[in-house]
PDB file of N, CA and C in Angstrom:
ATOM      1  N   UNK A   1       0.515  -1.514  -0.052  1.00  0.00           N
ATOM      2  CA  UNK A   1      -0.052  -0.265  -0.074  1.00  0.00           C
ATOM      3  C   UNK A   1       1.037   0.757  -0.249  1.00  0.00           C
ATOM      4  N   UNK A   2       2.175   1.426  -0.530  1.00  0.00           N
ATOM      5  CA  UNK A   2       3.173   2.453  -0.451  1.00  0.00           C
ATOM      6  C   UNK A   2       3.350   2.783   1.004  1.00  0.00           C
ATOM      7  N   UNK A   3       3.379   1.826   2.155  1.00  0.00           N
ATOM      8  CA  UNK A   3       3.601   2.439   3.322  1.00  0.00           C
ATOM      9  C   UNK A   3       5.373   2.199   3.857  1.00  0.00           C
ATOM     10  N   UNK A   4       6.123   2.886   4.580  1.00  0.00           N
ATOM     11  CA  UNK A   4       7.180   2.357   4.648  1.00  0.00           C
ATOM     12  C   UNK A   4       7.552   2.454   6.248  1.00  0.00           C
ATOM     13  N   UNK A   5       7.837   1.538   6.842  1.00  0.00           N
ATOM     14  CA  UNK A   5       8.028   0.868   8.125  1.00  0.00           C
ATOM     15  C   UNK A   5       9.710   1.380   8.719  1.00  0.00           C
ATOM     16  N   UNK A   6      10.038   1.056   9.587  1.00  0.00           N
ATOM     17  CA  UNK A   6      11.571   1.234  10.278  1.00  0.00           C
ATOM     18  C   UNK A   6      12.309  -0.242   9.771  1.00  0.00           C
ATOM     19  N   UNK A   7      11.727  -1.628   9.354  1.00  0.00           N
ATOM     20  CA  UNK A   7      12.331  -2.852   8.630  1.00  0.00           C
ATOM     21  C   UNK A   7      11.064  -3.405   8.337  1.00  0.00           C
ATOM     22  N   UNK A   8      11.493  -4.694   7.867  1.00  0.00           N
ATOM     23  CA  UNK A   8      10.063  -5.586   7.504  1.00  0.00           C
ATOM     24  C   UNK A   8       9.699  -5.926   8.411  1.00  0.00           C
ATOM     25  N   UNK A   9      10.613  -6.093   9.197  1.00  0.00           N
ATOM     26  CA  UNK A   9       9.491  -6.989  11.139  1.00  0.00           C
ATOM     27  C   UNK A   9       8.868  -6.234  11.575  1.00  0.00           C
ATOM     28  N   UNK A  10       8.997  -4.520  11.288  1.00  0.00           N
ATOM     29  CA  UNK A  10       8.510  -4.029  12.435  1.00  0.00           C
ATOM     30  C   UNK A  10       7.058  -3.944  12.241  1.00  0.00           C
ATOM     31  N   UNK A  11       6.234  -3.313  13.595  1.00  0.00           N
ATOM     32  CA  UNK A  11       4.992  -3.639  13.763  1.00  0.00           C
ATOM     33  C   UNK A  11       4.513  -2.507  12.589  1.00  0.00           C
ATOM     34  N   UNK A  12       3.584  -2.774  12.433  1.00  0.00           N
ATOM     35  CA  UNK A  12       2.814  -1.599  11.374  1.00  0.00           C
ATOM     36  C   UNK A  12       2.250  -0.483  12.155  1.00  0.00           C
ATOM     37  N   UNK A  13       2.130  -0.964  13.488  1.00  0.00           N
ATOM     38  CA  UNK A  13       1.362   0.503  14.356  1.00  0.00           C
ATOM     39  C   UNK A  13       2.841   1.511  13.747  1.00  0.00           C
ATOM     40  N   UNK A  14       3.783   1.292  13.503  1.00  0.00           N
ATOM     41  CA  UNK A  14       4.980   2.138  13.568  1.00  0.00           C
ATOM     42  C   UNK A  14       5.597   2.603  11.984  1.00  0.00           C
ATOM     43  N   UNK A  15       4.807   3.497  11.504  1.00  0.00           N
ATOM     44  CA  UNK A  15       4.868   3.649  10.246  1.00  0.00           C
ATOM     45  C   UNK A  15       5.677   4.855  10.312  1.00  0.00           C
ATOM     46  N   UNK A  16       6.550   5.200   9.533  1.00  0.00           N
ATOM     47  CA  UNK A  16       7.669   6.596   9.292  1.00  0.00           C
ATOM     48  C   UNK A  16       7.070   7.537   8.002  1.00  0.00           C
ATOM     49  N   UNK A  17       6.345   6.630   7.164  1.00  0.00           N
ATOM     50  CA  UNK A  17       6.294   7.756   6.093  1.00  0.00           C
ATOM     51  C   UNK A  17       5.463   6.673   4.900  1.00  0.00           C
ATOM     52  N   UNK A  18       5.617   7.166   3.639  1.00  0.00           N
ATOM     53  CA  UNK A  18       5.178   6.261   2.382  1.00  0.00           C
ATOM     54  C   UNK A  18       5.848   6.772   1.153  1.00  0.00           C
ATOM     55  N   UNK A  19       5.233   5.896   0.259  1.00  0.00           N
ATOM     56  CA  UNK A  19       6.076   6.290  -1.210  1.00  0.00           C
ATOM     57  C   UNK A  19       5.994   7.420  -1.534  1.00  0.00           C
ATOM     58  N   UNK A  20       4.852   8.195  -1.273  1.00  0.00           N
ATOM     59  CA  UNK A  20       4.395   9.158  -2.295  1.00  0.00           C
ATOM     60  C   UNK A  20       4.761  10.655  -1.278  1.00  0.00           C
ATOM     61  N   UNK A  21       4.905  10.765  -0.248  1.00  0.00           N
ATOM     62  CA  UNK A  21       4.928  11.427   0.584  1.00  0.00           C
ATOM     63  C   UNK A  21       6.718  11.858   1.796  1.00  0.00           C
ATOM     64  N   UNK A  22       7.350  10.893   1.084  1.00  0.00           N
ATOM     65  CA  UNK A  22       8.682  10.525   1.542  1.00  0.00           C
ATOM     66  C   UNK A  22       8.654   9.753   3.265  1.00  0.00           C
ATOM     67  N   UNK A  23       9.797  10.182   4.160  1.00  0.00           N
ATOM     68  CA  UNK A  23      10.084  10.131   5.286  1.00  0.00           C
ATOM     69  C   UNK A  23       9.053  10.863   6.048  1.00  0.00           C
ATOM     70  N   UNK A  24       8.749  10.393   6.957  1.00  0.00           N
ATOM     71  CA  UNK A  24       8.214  12.120   8.024  1.00  0.00           C
ATOM     72  C   UNK A  24       9.426  12.063   9.458  1.00  0.00           C
ATOM     73  N   UNK A  25      10.166  12.765   9.005  1.00  0.00           N
ATOM     74  CA  UNK A  25      11.338  12.560  10.032  1.00  0.00           C
ATOM     75  C   UNK A  25      10.937  12.902  12.009  1.00  0.00           C
ATOM     76  N   UNK A  26       9.888  13.622  12.289  1.00  0.00           N
ATOM     77  CA  UNK A  26       8.974  13.399  13.081  1.00  0.00           C
ATOM     78  C   UNK A  26       8.834  12.256  13.707  1.00  0.00           C
ATOM     79  N   UNK A  27       8.146  11.109  12.893  1.00  0.00           N
ATOM     80  CA  UNK A  27       7.685   9.977  13.565  1.00  0.00           C
ATOM     81  C   UNK A  27       8.772   9.155  13.632  1.00  0.00           C
ATOM     82  N   UNK A  28      10.145   9.299  13.105  1.00  0.00           N
ATOM     83  CA  UNK A  28      11.231   8.880  12.631  1.00  0.00           C
ATOM     84  C   UNK A  28      11.676   9.048  14.315  1.00  0.00           C
ATOM     85  N   UNK A  29      11.769  10.120  14.811  1.00  0.00           N
ATOM     86  CA  UNK A  29      12.185  10.851  15.998  1.00  0.00           C
ATOM     87  C   UNK A  29      11.515  10.359  17.346  1.00  0.00           C
ATOM     88  N   UNK A  30      10.344  10.397  16.446  1.00  0.00           N
ATOM     89  CA  UNK A  30       9.108   9.542  18.028  1.00  0.00           C
ATOM     90  C   UNK A  30       9.333   8.441  18.305  1.00  0.00           C
ATOM     91  N   UNK A  31       9.787   7.004  17.211  1.00  0.00           N
ATOM     92  CA  UNK A  31      10.111   6.057  17.296  1.00  0.00           C
ATOM     93  C   UNK A  31      11.805   5.979  18.350  1.00  0.00           C
ATOM     94  N   UNK A  32      12.517   6.751  17.854  1.00  0.00           N
ATOM     95  CA  UNK A  32      13.790   6.633  18.671  1.00  0.00           C
ATOM     96  C   UNK A  32      13.876   7.263  19.480  1.00  0.00           C
ATOM     97  N   UNK A  33      13.233   8.445  20.146  1.00  0.00           N
ATOM     98  CA  UNK A  33      12.966   8.583  22.175  1.00  0.00           C
ATOM     99  C   UNK A  33      12.578   7.079  22.326  1.00  0.00           C
ATOM    100  N   UNK A  34      11.973   6.419  22.165  1.00  0.00           N
ATOM    101  CA  UNK A  34      11.402   5.373  22.532  1.00  0.00           C
ATOM    102  C   UNK A  34      11.988   4.435  22.855  1.00  0.00           C
ATOM    103  N   UNK A  35      12.840   4.277  21.574  1.00  0.00           N
ATOM    104  CA  UNK A  35      14.003   3.165  21.786  1.00  0.00           C
ATOM    105  C   UNK A  35      14.827   3.247  22.513  1.00  0.00           C
ATOM    106  N   UNK A  36      15.247   4.711  22.588  1.00  0.00           N
ATOM    107  CA  UNK A  36      16.316   5.186  23.385  1.00  0.00           C
ATOM    108  C   UNK A  36      15.836   4.888  24.632  1.00  0.00           C
ATOM    109  N   UNK A  37      14.810   5.381  24.818  1.00  0.00           N
ATOM    110  CA  UNK A  37      14.366   5.657  26.752  1.00  0.00           C
ATOM    111  C   UNK A  37      14.345   4.542  27.126  1.00  0.00           C
ATOM    112  N   UNK A  38      14.020   2.706  26.307  1.00  0.00           N
ATOM    113  CA  UNK A  38      13.483   1.872  26.899  1.00  0.00           C
ATOM    114  C   UNK A  38      15.168   1.194  26.981  1.00  0.00           C
ATOM    115  N   UNK A  39      16.226   1.572  26.259  1.00  0.00           N
ATOM    116  CA  UNK A  39      17.742   1.056  26.312  1.00  0.00           C
ATOM    117  C   UNK A  39      18.139   1.845  26.783  1.00  0.00           C
ATOM    118  N   UNK A  40      18.215   2.412  27.621  1.00  0.00           N
ATOM    119  CA  UNK A  40      18.577   2.963  28.949  1.00  0.00           C
ATOM    120  C   UNK A  40      18.272   2.861  30.010  1.00  0.00           C
ATOM    121  N   UNK A  41      16.707   2.699  30.038  1.00  0.00           N
ATOM    122  CA  UNK A  41      16.116   2.212  31.063  1.00  0.00           C
ATOM    123  C   UNK A  41      16.301   0.616  31.869  1.00  0.00           C
ATOM    124  N   UNK A  42      16.400  -0.862  30.372  1.00  0.00           N
ATOM    125  CA  UNK A  42      16.894  -1.240  30.877  1.00  0.00           C
ATOM    126  C   UNK A  42      18.406  -2.439  30.178  1.00  0.00           C
ATOM    127  N   UNK A  43      18.828  -1.678  29.499  1.00  0.00           N
ATOM    128  CA  UNK A  43      20.422  -2.248  29.012  1.00  0.00           C
ATOM    129  C   UNK A  43      21.764  -1.283  29.271  1.00  0.00           C
ATOM    130  N   UNK A  44      21.553  -0.122  29.927  1.00  0.00           N
ATOM    131  CA  UNK A  44      22.792   0.327  30.128  1.00  0.00           C
ATOM    132  C   UNK A  44      23.412  -0.476  31.560  1.00  0.00           C
ATOM    133  N   UNK A  45      23.089  -1.289  32.165  1.00  0.00           N
ATOM    134  CA  UNK A  45      24.131  -2.030  33.269  1.00  0.00           C
ATOM    135  C   UNK A  45      23.907  -3.571  32.524  1.00  0.00           C
ATOM    136  N   UNK A  46      23.294  -3.787  31.780  1.00  0.00           N
ATOM    137  CA  UNK A  46      22.988  -5.290  31.120  1.00  0.00           C
ATOM    138  C   UNK A  46      25.053  -5.986  30.506  1.00  0.00           C
ATOM    139  N   UNK A  47      24.987  -6.895  31.002  1.00  0.00           N
ATOM    140  CA  UNK A  47      26.689  -6.942  30.854  1.00  0.00           C
ATOM    141  C   UNK A  47      26.816  -8.451  30.040  1.00  0.00           C
ATOM    142  N   UNK A  48      25.569  -8.042  28.983  1.00  0.00           N
ATOM    143  CA  UNK A  48      25.169  -8.981  27.210  1.00  0.00           C
ATOM    144  C   UNK A  48      25.047  -7.495  26.592  1.00  0.00           C
ATOM    145  N   UNK A  49      24.534  -6.428  26.985  1.00  0.00           N
ATOM    146  CA  UNK A  49      24.132  -4.930  25.956  1.00  0.00           C
ATOM    147  C   UNK A  49      25.211  -5.234  24.678  1.00  0.00           C
ATOM    148  N   UNK A  50      26.286  -5.169  24.507  1.00  0.00           N
ATOM    149  CA  UNK A  50      27.592  -5.040  23.424  1.00  0.00           C
ATOM    150  C   UNK A  50      26.806  -6.740  22.752  1.00  0.00           C
ATOM    151  N   UNK A  51      26.186  -7.175  23.360  1.00  0.00           N
ATOM    152  CA  UNK A  51      26.126  -8.670  22.206  1.00  0.00           C
ATOM    153  C   UNK A  51      25.037  -8.962  21.690  1.00  0.00           C
ATOM    154  N   UNK A  52      23.566  -7.701  21.987  1.00  0.00           N
ATOM    155  CA  UNK A  52      22.306  -8.351  22.469  1.00  0.00           C
ATOM    156  C   UNK A  52      22.085  -7.602  20.645  1.00  0.00           C
ATOM    157  N   UNK A  53      20.870  -8.773  20.265  1.00  0.00           N
ATOM    158  CA  UNK A  53      20.291  -8.140  18.996  1.00  0.00           C
ATOM    159  C   UNK A  53      19.360  -7.445  19.307  1.00  0.00           C
ATOM    160  N   UNK A  54      18.896  -6.865  20.366  1.00  0.00           N
ATOM    161  CA  UNK A  54      18.000  -5.490  20.004  1.00  0.00           C
ATOM    162  C   UNK A  54      17.794  -5.054  19.105  1.00  0.00           C
ATOM    163  N   UNK A  55      16.797  -4.617  18.855  1.00  0.00           N
ATOM    164  CA  UNK A  55      16.684  -3.252  18.097  1.00  0.00           C
ATOM    165  C   UNK A  55      15.478  -2.815  18.209  1.00  0.00           C
ATOM    166  N   UNK A  56      14.468  -1.976  16.953  1.00  0.00           N
ATOM    167  CA  UNK A  56      13.521  -1.270  17.475  1.00  0.00           C
ATOM    168  C   UNK A  56      12.218  -2.011  17.538  1.00  0.00           C
ATOM    169  N   UNK A  57      12.231  -3.091  17.242  1.00  0.00           N
ATOM    170  CA  UNK A  57      11.284  -4.386  17.076  1.00  0.00           C
ATOM    171  C   UNK A  57      10.605  -4.448  18.457  1.00  0.00           C
ATOM    172  N   UNK A  58      11.508  -4.053  19.674  1.00  0.00           N
ATOM    173  CA  UNK A  58      11.363  -4.211  21.036  1.00  0.00           C
ATOM    174  C   UNK A  58      10.255  -3.371  21.132  1.00  0.00           C
ATOM    175  N   UNK A  59      10.047  -2.169  20.848  1.00  0.00           N
ATOM    176  CA  UNK A  59       8.983  -1.661  20.577  1.00  0.00           C
ATOM    177  C   UNK A  59       7.745  -2.444  20.430  1.00  0.00           C
ATOM    178  N   UNK A  60       7.110  -3.295  20.046  1.00  0.00           N
ATOM    179  CA  UNK A  60       6.440  -3.961  18.980  1.00  0.00           C
ATOM    180  C   UNK A  60       5.967  -4.888  21.173  1.00  0.00           C
ATOM    181  N   UNK A  61       6.667  -4.466  21.998  1.00  0.00           N
ATOM    182  CA  UNK A  61       6.023  -5.967  22.962  1.00  0.00           C
ATOM    183  C   UNK A  61       6.076  -4.510  24.230  1.00  0.00           C
ATOM    184  N   UNK A  62       5.284  -4.857  24.990  1.00  0.00           N
ATOM    185  CA  UNK A  62       4.827  -4.251  26.813  1.00  0.00           C
ATOM    186  C   UNK A  62       6.255  -4.535  27.354  1.00  0.00           C
ATOM    187  N   UNK A  63       6.356  -3.801  27.861  1.00  0.00           N
ATOM    188  CA  UNK A  63       7.098  -3.899  29.340  1.00  0.00           C
ATOM    189  C   UNK A  63       7.861  -5.673  29.726  1.00  0.00           C
ATOM    190  N   UNK A  64       6.100  -5.844  30.023  1.00  0.00           N
ATOM    191  CA  UNK A  64       6.746  -7.527  30.819  1.00  0.00           C
ATOM    192  C   UNK A  64       7.167  -8.434  29.771  1.00  0.00           C
ATOM    193  N   UNK A  65       6.606  -7.959  28.293  1.00  0.00           N
ATOM    194  CA  UNK A  65       7.244  -8.862  26.984  1.00  0.00           C
ATOM    195  C   UNK A  65       8.358  -8.745  26.799  1.00  0.00           C
ATOM    196  N   UNK A  66       9.228  -7.492  27.120  1.00  0.00           N
ATOM    197  CA  UNK A  66       9.966  -6.720  26.333  1.00  0.00           C
ATOM    198  C   UNK A  66      11.340  -7.567  27.105  1.00  0.00           C
ATOM    199  N   UNK A  67      10.591  -7.429  28.810  1.00  0.00           N
ATOM    200  CA  UNK A  67      11.924  -8.050  30.234  1.00  0.00           C
ATOM    201  C   UNK A  67      11.773  -9.794  29.284  1.00  0.00           C
ATOM    202  N   UNK A  68      11.040 -10.096  29.178  1.00  0.00           N
ATOM    203  CA  UNK A  68      11.140 -11.745  28.920  1.00  0.00           C
ATOM    204  C   UNK A  68      11.208 -11.870  27.545  1.00  0.00           C
ATOM    205  N   UNK A  69      12.080 -11.031  26.397  1.00  0.00           N
ATOM    206  CA  UNK A  69      12.800 -10.912  25.182  1.00  0.00           C
ATOM    207  C   UNK A  69      14.110 -11.329  25.895  1.00  0.00           C
ATOM    208  N   UNK A  70      14.235 -10.220  26.436  1.00  0.00           N
ATOM    209  CA  UNK A  70      15.765  -9.414  27.189  1.00  0.00           C
ATOM    210  C   UNK A  70      16.150 -11.040  28.134  1.00  0.00           C
ATOM    211  N   UNK A  71      15.396 -11.279  28.521  1.00  0.00           N
ATOM    212  CA  UNK A  71      15.804 -12.659  29.356  1.00  0.00           C
ATOM    213  C   UNK A  71      16.382 -13.965  28.329  1.00  0.00           C
ATOM    214  N   UNK A  72      15.586 -13.766  27.243  1.00  0.00           N
ATOM    215  CA  UNK A  72      15.922 -15.008  26.348  1.00  0.00           C
ATOM    216  C   UNK A  72      16.744 -14.270  25.857  1.00  0.00           C
ATOM    217  N   UNK A  73      17.088 -13.653  25.055  1.00  0.00           N
ATOM    218  CA  UNK A  73      18.630 -12.796  24.631  1.00  0.00           C
ATOM    219  C   UNK A  73      19.553 -13.026  25.559  1.00  0.00           C
ATOM    220  N   UNK A  74      19.517 -12.964  26.668  1.00  0.00           N
ATOM    221  CA  UNK A  74      20.761 -13.128  27.553  1.00  0.00           C
ATOM    222  C   UNK A  74      21.135 -14.816  27.902  1.00  0.00           C
ATOM    223  N   UNK A  75      19.864 -15.771  27.214  1.00  0.00           N
ATOM    224  CA  UNK A  75      20.195 -17.154  27.266  1.00  0.00           C
ATOM    225  C   UNK A  75      20.634 -17.453  26.189  1.00  0.00           C
ATOM    226  N   UNK A  76      20.235 -17.082  25.225  1.00  0.00           N
ATOM    227  CA  UNK A  76      20.718 -17.628  24.363  1.00  0.00           C
ATOM    228  C   UNK A  76      22.401 -16.986  24.105  1.00  0.00           C
ATOM    229  N   UNK A  77      22.338 -15.189  24.610  1.00  0.00           N
ATOM    230  CA  UNK A  77      23.610 -14.943  24.553  1.00  0.00           C
ATOM    231  C   UNK A  77      24.820 -16.081  25.227  1.00  0.00           C
ATOM    232  N   UNK A  78      24.482 -16.635  26.094  1.00  0.00           N
ATOM    233  CA  UNK A  78      25.555 -17.016  27.147  1.00  0.00           C
ATOM    234  C   UNK A  78      25.656 -18.569  26.718  1.00  0.00           C
ATOM    235  N   UNK A  79      24.241 -18.898  25.996  1.00  0.00           N
ATOM    236  CA  UNK A  79      24.660 -20.268  25.359  1.00  0.00           C
ATOM    237  C   UNK A  79      26.013 -20.264  24.376  1.00  0.00           C
ATOM    238  N   UNK A  80      25.815 -19.573  23.807  1.00  0.00           N
ATOM    239  CA  UNK A  80      26.719 -19.289  22.782  1.00  0.00           C
ATOM    240  C   UNK A  80      27.649 -19.048  23.017  1.00  0.00           C
ATOM    241  N   UNK A  81      27.955 -18.282  24.115  1.00  0.00           N
ATOM    242  CA  UNK A  81      29.415 -18.041  24.875  1.00  0.00           C
ATOM    243  C   UNK A  81      30.044 -19.568  25.251  1.00  0.00           C
ATOM    244  N   UNK A  82      29.137 -20.117  25.495  1.00  0.00           N
ATOM    245  CA  UNK A  82      29.489 -21.620  26.454  1.00  0.00           C
ATOM    246  C   UNK A  82      30.110 -22.363  25.170  1.00  0.00           C
ATOM    247  N   UNK A  83      29.441 -22.562  24.362  1.00  0.00           N
ATOM    248  CA  UNK A  83      29.429 -23.430  23.006  1.00  0.00           C
ATOM    249  C   UNK A  83      30.935 -23.142  22.607  1.00  0.00           C
ATOM    250  N   UNK A  84      31.028 -21.406  22.494  1.00  0.00           N
ATOM    251  CA  UNK A  84      31.899 -21.285  22.047  1.00  0.00           C
ATOM    252  C   UNK A  84      33.379 -21.282  22.614  1.00  0.00           C
ATOM    253  N   UNK A  85      33.618 -21.554  23.715  1.00  0.00           N
ATOM    254  CA  UNK A  85      34.708 -21.397  25.190  1.00  0.00           C
ATOM    255  C   UNK A  85      34.493 -22.820  24.708  1.00  0.00           C
ATOM    256  N   UNK A  86      34.181 -23.804  24.705  1.00  0.00           N
ATOM    257  CA  UNK A  86      34.001 -25.197  24.882  1.00  0.00           C
ATOM    258  C   UNK A  86      34.399 -25.855  23.254  1.00  0.00           C
ATOM    259  N   UNK A  87      33.711 -25.495  22.148  1.00  0.00           N
ATOM    260  CA  UNK A  87      34.926 -25.359  20.757  1.00  0.00           C
ATOM    261  C   UNK A  87      36.140 -24.991  20.909  1.00  0.00           C
ATOM    262  N   UNK A  88      36.605 -23.959  21.552  1.00  0.00           N
ATOM    263  CA  UNK A  88      38.141 -23.642  21.224  1.00  0.00           C
ATOM    264  C   UNK A  88      38.902 -24.630  22.482  1.00  0.00           C
ATOM    265  N   UNK A  89      38.075 -25.117  23.720  1.00  0.00           N
ATOM    266  CA  UNK A  89      38.904 -25.523  24.449  1.00  0.00           C
ATOM    267  C   UNK A  89      38.994 -27.476  23.671  1.00  0.00           C
ATOM    268  N   UNK A  90      38.382 -27.641  22.762  1.00  0.00           N
ATOM    269  CA  UNK A  90      38.312 -28.543  22.115  1.00  0.00           C
ATOM    270  C   UNK A  90      38.973 -28.669  21.258  1.00  0.00           C
ATOM    271  N   UNK A  91      39.326 -27.616  20.476  1.00  0.00           N
ATOM    272  CA  UNK A  91      40.340 -27.026  19.174  1.00  0.00           C
ATOM    273  C   UNK A  91      41.946 -27.269  19.986  1.00  0.00           C
ATOM    274  N   UNK A  92      41.826 -26.958  21.380  1.00  0.00           N
ATOM    275  CA  UNK A  92      43.132 -26.414  21.769  1.00  0.00           C
ATOM    276  C   UNK A  92      43.016 -28.211  21.914  1.00  0.00           C
ATOM    277  N   UNK A  93      42.656 -28.993  22.641  1.00  0.00           N
ATOM    278  CA  UNK A  93      43.417 -30.754  23.120  1.00  0.00           C
ATOM    279  C   UNK A  93      43.434 -31.901  22.011  1.00  0.00           C
ATOM    280  N   UNK A  94      43.006 -31.249  19.998  1.00  0.00           N
ATOM    281  CA  UNK A  94      43.181 -31.567  19.447  1.00  0.00           C
ATOM    282  C   UNK A  94      44.785 -31.100  18.743  1.00  0.00           C
ATOM    283  N   UNK A  95      44.867 -29.869  18.940  1.00  0.00           N
ATOM    284  CA  UNK A  95      46.183 -29.848  18.350  1.00  0.00           C
ATOM    285  C   UNK A  95      47.053 -30.555  19.509  1.00  0.00           C
TER     286      UNK A  95
END
C-alpha cells in the first residue's frame, strides 16, 4: 500500500511515511526517542548489551514481554559463549 516502516519485521503500528510523501522525520524521531528511553532504562547495566541483537522491534512488546525477550536473549548469548569456549577448548586439545 506504499507505506514505509523502520524494517520488514517492524510492527505496522510504527509507520514512518509512505512512498508518495516520503519519510516523516517527526515519526522517526518519536520512534527513536522511545527506543532510546527503553534501551537506557533496561540495557545500561546489562552484561550482554554489546552482544545483544535488540533493535527497534522491541517496541512491539509491552514492558513485561520486552523483559522476557531480554531474558531469552541473555540465555541465548550465554549459551553461545559457552559453546564457543567449549569449541576453543576442544580445538586446543586436538592440536
